[in-house]
């Protein structure tokens, strides 16, 4: 099995990461998409994870996603 550096990433762009993070927030908190505001995005090249900070309904959360598997690893409310 190839290492993470040799595997093709499924979340290659910031736009793809934001779409997945938005989907996770909608499912977990039952909010409408237009209520969600993107605060910041960051890619960690060491771990291969995307981080998207979002605000919605007077709450804030950070969504951490695995870029290779295109899955949400955790949603932490701040």
PDB file of N, CA and C in Angstrom:
ATOM      1  N   UNK A   1       0.857  -1.175   0.000  1.00  0.00           N
ATOM      2  CA  UNK A   1       0.000   0.000   0.000  1.00  0.00           C
ATOM      3  C   UNK A   1       0.900   1.233   0.000  1.00  0.00           C
ATOM      4  N   UNK A   2       0.664   2.169  -0.898  1.00  0.00           N
ATOM      5  CA  UNK A   2       1.519   3.358  -0.969  1.00  0.00           C
ATOM      6  C   UNK A   2       1.321   4.279   0.220  1.00  0.00           C
ATOM      7  N   UNK A   3       2.355   5.058   0.539  1.00  0.00           N
ATOM      8  CA  UNK A   3       2.258   6.033   1.616  1.00  0.00           C
ATOM      9  C   UNK A   3       1.356   7.184   1.224  1.00  0.00           C
ATOM     10  N   UNK A   4       1.024   8.026   2.179  1.00  0.00           N
ATOM     11  CA  UNK A   4       0.101   9.136   1.936  1.00  0.00           C
ATOM     12  C   UNK A   4       0.623  10.071   0.846  1.00  0.00           C
ATOM     13  N   UNK A   5       1.938  10.207   0.735  1.00  0.00           N
ATOM     14  CA  UNK A   5       2.503  11.080  -0.286  1.00  0.00           C
ATOM     15  C   UNK A   5       2.304  10.553  -1.695  1.00  0.00           C
ATOM     16  N   UNK A   6       2.102   9.257  -1.848  1.00  0.00           N
ATOM     17  CA  UNK A   6       1.954   8.657  -3.165  1.00  0.00           C
ATOM     18  C   UNK A   6       0.489   8.462  -3.576  1.00  0.00           C
ATOM     19  N   UNK A   7      -0.415   8.623  -2.641  1.00  0.00           N
ATOM     20  CA  UNK A   7      -1.830   8.426  -2.932  1.00  0.00           C
ATOM     21  C   UNK A   7      -2.435   9.711  -3.496  1.00  0.00           C
ATOM     22  N   UNK A   8      -3.346   9.568  -4.424  1.00  0.00           N
ATOM     23  CA  UNK A   8      -4.026  10.728  -4.992  1.00  0.00           C
ATOM     24  C   UNK A   8      -5.043  11.248  -3.976  1.00  0.00           C
ATOM     25  N   UNK A   9      -5.007  12.540  -3.761  1.00  0.00           N
ATOM     26  CA  UNK A   9      -5.949  13.151  -2.828  1.00  0.00           C
ATOM     27  C   UNK A   9      -7.310  13.332  -3.492  1.00  0.00           C
ATOM     28  N   UNK A  10      -8.345  13.078  -2.748  1.00  0.00           N
ATOM     29  CA  UNK A  10      -9.702  13.292  -3.259  1.00  0.00           C
ATOM     30  C   UNK A  10     -10.178  14.712  -2.980  1.00  0.00           C
ATOM     31  N   UNK A  11      -9.667  15.330  -1.917  1.00  0.00           N
ATOM     32  CA  UNK A  11      -9.964  16.736  -1.642  1.00  0.00           C
ATOM     33  C   UNK A  11      -8.737  17.531  -2.069  1.00  0.00           C
ATOM     34  N   UNK A  12      -8.694  17.877  -3.331  1.00  0.00           N
ATOM     35  CA  UNK A  12      -7.512  18.546  -3.865  1.00  0.00           C
ATOM     36  C   UNK A  12      -7.586  20.058  -3.762  1.00  0.00           C
ATOM     37  N   UNK A  13      -8.788  20.612  -3.711  1.00  0.00           N
ATOM     38  CA  UNK A  13      -8.921  22.063  -3.710  1.00  0.00           C
ATOM     39  C   UNK A  13      -9.658  22.551  -2.465  1.00  0.00           C
ATOM     40  N   UNK A  14      -9.461  23.817  -2.187  1.00  0.00           N
ATOM     41  CA  UNK A  14     -10.145  24.454  -1.069  1.00  0.00           C
ATOM     42  C   UNK A  14     -11.661  24.394  -1.270  1.00  0.00           C
ATOM     43  N   UNK A  15     -12.100  24.567  -2.499  1.00  0.00           N
ATOM     44  CA  UNK A  15     -13.532  24.530  -2.812  1.00  0.00           C
ATOM     45  C   UNK A  15     -14.148  23.176  -2.449  1.00  0.00           C
ATOM     46  N   UNK A  16     -13.438  22.083  -2.746  1.00  0.00           N
ATOM     47  CA  UNK A  16     -13.932  20.746  -2.403  1.00  0.00           C
ATOM     48  C   UNK A  16     -13.999  20.560  -0.887  1.00  0.00           C
ATOM     49  N   UNK A  17     -12.997  21.062  -0.175  1.00  0.00           N
ATOM     50  CA  UNK A  17     -12.977  20.951   1.286  1.00  0.00           C
ATOM     51  C   UNK A  17     -14.129  21.733   1.904  1.00  0.00           C
ATOM     52  N   UNK A  18     -14.392  22.928   1.391  1.00  0.00           N
ATOM     53  CA  UNK A  18     -15.500  23.740   1.902  1.00  0.00           C
ATOM     54  C   UNK A  18     -16.838  23.051   1.656  1.00  0.00           C
ATOM     55  N   UNK A  19     -17.018  22.440   0.508  1.00  0.00           N
ATOM     56  CA  UNK A  19     -18.270  21.742   0.194  1.00  0.00           C
ATOM     57  C   UNK A  19     -18.513  20.583   1.162  1.00  0.00           C
ATOM     58  N   UNK A  20     -17.468  19.803   1.451  1.00  0.00           N
ATOM     59  CA  UNK A  20     -17.627  18.681   2.373  1.00  0.00           C
ATOM     60  C   UNK A  20     -17.889  19.170   3.792  1.00  0.00           C
ATOM     61  N   UNK A  21     -17.171  20.205   4.218  1.00  0.00           N
ATOM     62  CA  UNK A  21     -17.365  20.757   5.564  1.00  0.00           C
ATOM     63  C   UNK A  21     -18.777  21.319   5.718  1.00  0.00           C
ATOM     64  N   UNK A  22     -19.259  22.020   4.708  1.00  0.00           N
ATOM     65  CA  UNK A  22     -20.612  22.577   4.739  1.00  0.00           C
ATOM     66  C   UNK A  22     -21.649  21.466   4.856  1.00  0.00           C
ATOM     67  N   UNK A  23     -21.453  20.396   4.121  1.00  0.00           N
ATOM     68  CA  UNK A  23     -22.358  19.251   4.186  1.00  0.00           C
ATOM     69  C   UNK A  23     -22.397  18.653   5.587  1.00  0.00           C
ATOM     70  N   UNK A  24     -21.230  18.529   6.210  1.00  0.00           N
ATOM     71  CA  UNK A  24     -21.163  17.981   7.562  1.00  0.00           C
ATOM     72  C   UNK A  24     -21.874  18.849   8.584  1.00  0.00           C
ATOM     73  N   UNK A  25     -21.715  20.172   8.468  1.00  0.00           N
ATOM     74  CA  UNK A  25     -22.386  21.099   9.391  1.00  0.00           C
ATOM     75  C   UNK A  25     -23.896  21.046   9.193  1.00  0.00           C
ATOM     76  N   UNK A  26     -24.344  20.992   7.950  1.00  0.00           N
ATOM     77  CA  UNK A  26     -25.785  20.922   7.673  1.00  0.00           C
ATOM     78  C   UNK A  26     -26.382  19.666   8.290  1.00  0.00           C
ATOM     79  N   UNK A  27     -25.701  18.534   8.140  1.00  0.00           N
ATOM     80  CA  UNK A  27     -26.221  17.270   8.688  1.00  0.00           C
ATOM     81  C   UNK A  27     -26.202  17.255  10.214  1.00  0.00           C
ATOM     82  N   UNK A  28     -25.118  17.726  10.815  1.00  0.00           N
ATOM     83  CA  UNK A  28     -24.981  17.647  12.275  1.00  0.00           C
ATOM     84  C   UNK A  28     -25.854  18.662  13.009  1.00  0.00           C
ATOM     85  N   UNK A  29     -25.947  19.890  12.489  1.00  0.00           N
ATOM     86  CA  UNK A  29     -26.644  20.961  13.200  1.00  0.00           C
ATOM     87  C   UNK A  29     -27.976  21.350  12.582  1.00  0.00           C
ATOM     88  N   UNK A  30     -28.356  20.726  11.478  1.00  0.00           N
ATOM     89  CA  UNK A  30     -29.645  20.978  10.828  1.00  0.00           C
ATOM     90  C   UNK A  30     -29.853  22.472  10.539  1.00  0.00           C
ATOM     91  N   UNK A  31     -28.858  23.084   9.884  1.00  0.00           N
ATOM     92  CA  UNK A  31     -28.950  24.492   9.498  1.00  0.00           C
ATOM     93  C   UNK A  31     -29.072  24.589   7.980  1.00  0.00           C
ATOM     94  N   UNK A  32     -29.481  25.745   7.522  1.00  0.00           N
ATOM     95  CA  UNK A  32     -29.620  25.998   6.091  1.00  0.00           C
ATOM     96  C   UNK A  32     -28.279  26.491   5.561  1.00  0.00           C
ATOM     97  N   UNK A  33     -27.938  26.082   4.343  1.00  0.00           N
ATOM     98  CA  UNK A  33     -26.629  26.390   3.767  1.00  0.00           C
ATOM     99  C   UNK A  33     -26.321  27.884   3.742  1.00  0.00           C
ATOM    100  N   UNK A  34     -27.315  28.723   3.451  1.00  0.00           N
ATOM    101  CA  UNK A  34     -27.036  30.161   3.362  1.00  0.00           C
ATOM    102  C   UNK A  34     -26.816  30.808   4.726  1.00  0.00           C
ATOM    103  N   UNK A  35     -27.003  30.078   5.823  1.00  0.00           N
ATOM    104  CA  UNK A  35     -26.723  30.578   7.173  1.00  0.00           C
ATOM    105  C   UNK A  35     -25.262  30.341   7.570  1.00  0.00           C
ATOM    106  N   UNK A  36     -24.538  29.560   6.791  1.00  0.00           N
ATOM    107  CA  UNK A  36     -23.161  29.189   7.126  1.00  0.00           C
ATOM    108  C   UNK A  36     -22.191  30.177   6.491  1.00  0.00           C
ATOM    109  N   UNK A  37     -21.271  30.666   7.297  1.00  0.00           N
ATOM    110  CA  UNK A  37     -20.240  31.587   6.817  1.00  0.00           C
ATOM    111  C   UNK A  37     -18.875  30.928   6.994  1.00  0.00           C
ATOM    112  N   UNK A  38     -18.064  30.941   5.950  1.00  0.00           N
ATOM    113  CA  UNK A  38     -16.714  30.375   6.009  1.00  0.00           C
ATOM    114  C   UNK A  38     -15.790  31.427   6.613  1.00  0.00           C
ATOM    115  N   UNK A  39     -15.107  31.081   7.701  1.00  0.00           N
ATOM    116  CA  UNK A  39     -14.204  32.015   8.362  1.00  0.00           C
ATOM    117  C   UNK A  39     -12.763  31.855   7.889  1.00  0.00           C
ATOM    118  N   UNK A  40     -12.334  30.597   7.745  1.00  0.00           N
ATOM    119  CA  UNK A  40     -10.942  30.349   7.348  1.00  0.00           C
ATOM    120  C   UNK A  40     -10.796  28.907   6.883  1.00  0.00           C
ATOM    121  N   UNK A  41      -9.880  28.691   5.962  1.00  0.00           N
ATOM    122  CA  UNK A  41      -9.529  27.333   5.540  1.00  0.00           C
ATOM    123  C   UNK A  41      -8.020  27.187   5.626  1.00  0.00           C
ATOM    124  N   UNK A  42      -7.595  25.964   5.923  1.00  0.00           N
ATOM    125  CA  UNK A  42      -6.162  25.702   6.018  1.00  0.00           C
ATOM    126  C   UNK A  42      -5.902  24.244   5.665  1.00  0.00           C
ATOM    127  N   UNK A  43      -4.802  24.015   4.952  1.00  0.00           N
ATOM    128  CA  UNK A  43      -4.388  22.662   4.610  1.00  0.00           C
ATOM    129  C   UNK A  43      -3.092  22.351   5.340  1.00  0.00           C
ATOM    130  N   UNK A  44      -3.049  21.233   6.050  1.00  0.00           N
ATOM    131  CA  UNK A  44      -1.853  20.793   6.756  1.00  0.00           C
ATOM    132  C   UNK A  44      -1.156  19.746   5.889  1.00  0.00           C
ATOM    133  N   UNK A  45      -0.056  20.139   5.259  1.00  0.00           N
ATOM    134  CA  UNK A  45       0.630  19.230   4.332  1.00  0.00           C
ATOM    135  C   UNK A  45       1.313  18.071   5.052  1.00  0.00           C
ATOM    136  N   UNK A  46       1.623  18.218   6.332  1.00  0.00           N
ATOM    137  CA  UNK A  46       2.245  17.126   7.088  1.00  0.00           C
ATOM    138  C   UNK A  46       1.274  15.972   7.333  1.00  0.00           C
ATOM    139  N   UNK A  47       0.052  16.293   7.725  1.00  0.00           N
ATOM    140  CA  UNK A  47      -0.924  15.247   8.027  1.00  0.00           C
ATOM    141  C   UNK A  47      -1.852  14.951   6.856  1.00  0.00           C
ATOM    142  N   UNK A  48      -1.928  15.872   5.889  1.00  0.00           N
ATOM    143  CA  UNK A  48      -2.834  15.683   4.756  1.00  0.00           C
ATOM    144  C   UNK A  48      -4.270  16.011   5.101  1.00  0.00           C
ATOM    145  N   UNK A  49      -4.480  16.853   6.105  1.00  0.00           N
ATOM    146  CA  UNK A  49      -5.820  17.207   6.559  1.00  0.00           C
ATOM    147  C   UNK A  49      -6.179  18.630   6.166  1.00  0.00           C
ATOM    148  N   UNK A  50      -7.451  18.833   5.858  1.00  0.00           N
ATOM    149  CA  UNK A  50      -8.003  20.166   5.639  1.00  0.00           C
ATOM    150  C   UNK A  50      -8.712  20.591   6.912  1.00  0.00           C
ATOM    151  N   UNK A  51      -8.637  21.875   7.247  1.00  0.00           N
ATOM    152  CA  UNK A  51      -9.365  22.465   8.368  1.00  0.00           C
ATOM    153  C   UNK A  51     -10.195  23.615   7.816  1.00  0.00           C
ATOM    154  N   UNK A  52     -11.478  23.631   8.151  1.00  0.00           N
ATOM    155  CA  UNK A  52     -12.360  24.708   7.724  1.00  0.00           C
ATOM    156  C   UNK A  52     -13.081  25.234   8.959  1.00  0.00           C
ATOM    157  N   UNK A  53     -12.880  26.531   9.242  1.00  0.00           N
ATOM    158  CA  UNK A  53     -13.573  27.185  10.357  1.00  0.00           C
ATOM    159  C   UNK A  53     -14.827  27.847   9.799  1.00  0.00           C
ATOM    160  N   UNK A  54     -15.952  27.633  10.494  1.00  0.00           N
ATOM    161  CA  UNK A  54     -17.241  28.127  10.012  1.00  0.00           C
ATOM    162  C   UNK A  54     -18.041  28.725  11.156  1.00  0.00           C
ATOM    163  N   UNK A  55     -18.931  29.646  10.826  1.00  0.00           N
ATOM    164  CA  UNK A  55     -19.876  30.163  11.822  1.00  0.00           C
ATOM    165  C   UNK A  55     -21.285  29.991  11.275  1.00  0.00           C
ATOM    166  N   UNK A  56     -22.224  29.764  12.206  1.00  0.00           N
ATOM    167  CA  UNK A  56     -23.623  29.545  11.831  1.00  0.00           C
ATOM    168  C   UNK A  56     -24.457  29.628  13.098  1.00  0.00           C
ATOM    169  N   UNK A  57     -25.632  30.179  13.007  1.00  0.00           N
ATOM    170  CA  UNK A  57     -26.590  30.215  14.117  1.00  0.00           C
ATOM    171  C   UNK A  57     -25.928  30.555  15.454  1.00  0.00           C
ATOM    172  N   UNK A  58     -25.112  31.596  15.473  1.00  0.00           N
ATOM    173  CA  UNK A  58     -24.402  32.062  16.668  1.00  0.00           C
ATOM    174  C   UNK A  58     -23.446  31.014  17.247  1.00  0.00           C
ATOM    175  N   UNK A  59     -23.022  30.068  16.448  1.00  0.00           N
ATOM    176  CA  UNK A  59     -22.054  29.051  16.854  1.00  0.00           C
ATOM    177  C   UNK A  59     -20.871  29.112  15.905  1.00  0.00           C
ATOM    178  N   UNK A  60     -19.756  28.546  16.353  1.00  0.00           N
ATOM    179  CA  UNK A  60     -18.571  28.414  15.513  1.00  0.00           C
ATOM    180  C   UNK A  60     -18.040  27.002  15.656  1.00  0.00           C
ATOM    181  N   UNK A  61     -17.536  26.479  14.546  1.00  0.00           N
ATOM    182  CA  UNK A  61     -17.009  25.118  14.559  1.00  0.00           C
ATOM    183  C   UNK A  61     -15.828  25.016  13.601  1.00  0.00           C
ATOM    184  N   UNK A  62     -14.954  24.065  13.904  1.00  0.00           N
ATOM    185  CA  UNK A  62     -13.842  23.743  13.018  1.00  0.00           C
ATOM    186  C   UNK A  62     -14.040  22.311  12.550  1.00  0.00           C
ATOM    187  N   UNK A  63     -14.031  22.120  11.243  1.00  0.00           N
ATOM    188  CA  UNK A  63     -14.219  20.796  10.654  1.00  0.00           C
ATOM    189  C   UNK A  63     -12.862  20.314  10.151  1.00  0.00           C
ATOM    190  N   UNK A  64     -12.439  19.133  10.617  1.00  0.00           N
ATOM    191  CA  UNK A  64     -11.177  18.548  10.166  1.00  0.00           C
ATOM    192  C   UNK A  64     -11.498  17.380   9.249  1.00  0.00           C
ATOM    193  N   UNK A  65     -10.853  17.377   8.048  1.00  0.00           N
ATOM    194  CA  UNK A  65     -11.144  16.352   7.051  1.00  0.00           C
ATOM    195  C   UNK A  65      -9.866  15.720   6.534  1.00  0.00           C
ATOM    196  N   UNK A  66      -9.938  14.444   6.225  1.00  0.00           N
ATOM    197  CA  UNK A  66      -8.838  13.708   5.614  1.00  0.00           C
ATOM    198  C   UNK A  66      -8.908  13.946   4.109  1.00  0.00           C
ATOM    199  N   UNK A  67      -7.824  14.487   3.535  1.00  0.00           N
ATOM    200  CA  UNK A  67      -7.869  14.829   2.111  1.00  0.00           C
ATOM    201  C   UNK A  67      -7.771  13.618   1.197  1.00  0.00           C
ATOM    202  N   UNK A  68      -7.175  12.533   1.676  1.00  0.00           N
ATOM    203  CA  UNK A  68      -7.026  11.342   0.836  1.00  0.00           C
ATOM    204  C   UNK A  68      -8.345  10.578   0.747  1.00  0.00           C
ATOM    205  N   UNK A  69      -9.011  10.420   1.873  1.00  0.00           N
ATOM    206  CA  UNK A  69     -10.254   9.644   1.906  1.00  0.00           C
ATOM    207  C   UNK A  69     -11.504  10.503   1.708  1.00  0.00           C
ATOM    208  N   UNK A  70     -11.325  11.839   1.731  1.00  0.00           N
ATOM    209  CA  UNK A  70     -12.446  12.768   1.585  1.00  0.00           C
ATOM    210  C   UNK A  70     -13.531  12.493   2.615  1.00  0.00           C
ATOM    211  N   UNK A  71     -13.109  12.373   3.877  1.00  0.00           N
ATOM    212  CA  UNK A  71     -14.038  12.125   4.963  1.00  0.00           C
ATOM    213  C   UNK A  71     -13.833  13.150   6.067  1.00  0.00           C
ATOM    214  N   UNK A  72     -14.894  13.422   6.799  1.00  0.00           N
ATOM    215  CA  UNK A  72     -14.810  14.298   7.954  1.00  0.00           C
ATOM    216  C   UNK A  72     -14.297  13.474   9.126  1.00  0.00           C
ATOM    217  N   UNK A  73     -13.209  13.935   9.730  1.00  0.00           N
ATOM    218  CA  UNK A  73     -12.631  13.239  10.877  1.00  0.00           C
ATOM    219  C   UNK A  73     -13.256  13.720  12.183  1.00  0.00           C
ATOM    220  N   UNK A  74     -13.514  15.020  12.291  1.00  0.00           N
ATOM    221  CA  UNK A  74     -14.157  15.546  13.492  1.00  0.00           C
ATOM    222  C   UNK A  74     -14.705  16.939  13.244  1.00  0.00           C
ATOM    223  N   UNK A  75     -15.727  17.274  14.026  1.00  0.00           N
ATOM    224  CA  UNK A  75     -16.292  18.611  14.034  1.00  0.00           C
ATOM    225  C   UNK A  75     -16.222  19.087  15.481  1.00  0.00           C
ATOM    226  N   UNK A  76     -15.425  20.126  15.714  1.00  0.00           N
ATOM    227  CA  UNK A  76     -15.268  20.670  17.057  1.00  0.00           C
ATOM    228  C   UNK A  76     -15.935  22.028  17.143  1.00  0.00           C
ATOM    229  N   UNK A  77     -16.904  22.134  18.046  1.00  0.00           N
ATOM    230  CA  UNK A  77     -17.542  23.417  18.271  1.00  0.00           C
ATOM    231  C   UNK A  77     -16.626  24.266  19.145  1.00  0.00           C
ATOM    232  N   UNK A  78     -16.450  25.521  18.745  1.00  0.00           N
ATOM    233  CA  UNK A  78     -15.542  26.410  19.462  1.00  0.00           C
ATOM    234  C   UNK A  78     -16.328  27.375  20.310  1.00  0.00           C
TER     235      UNK A  78
END
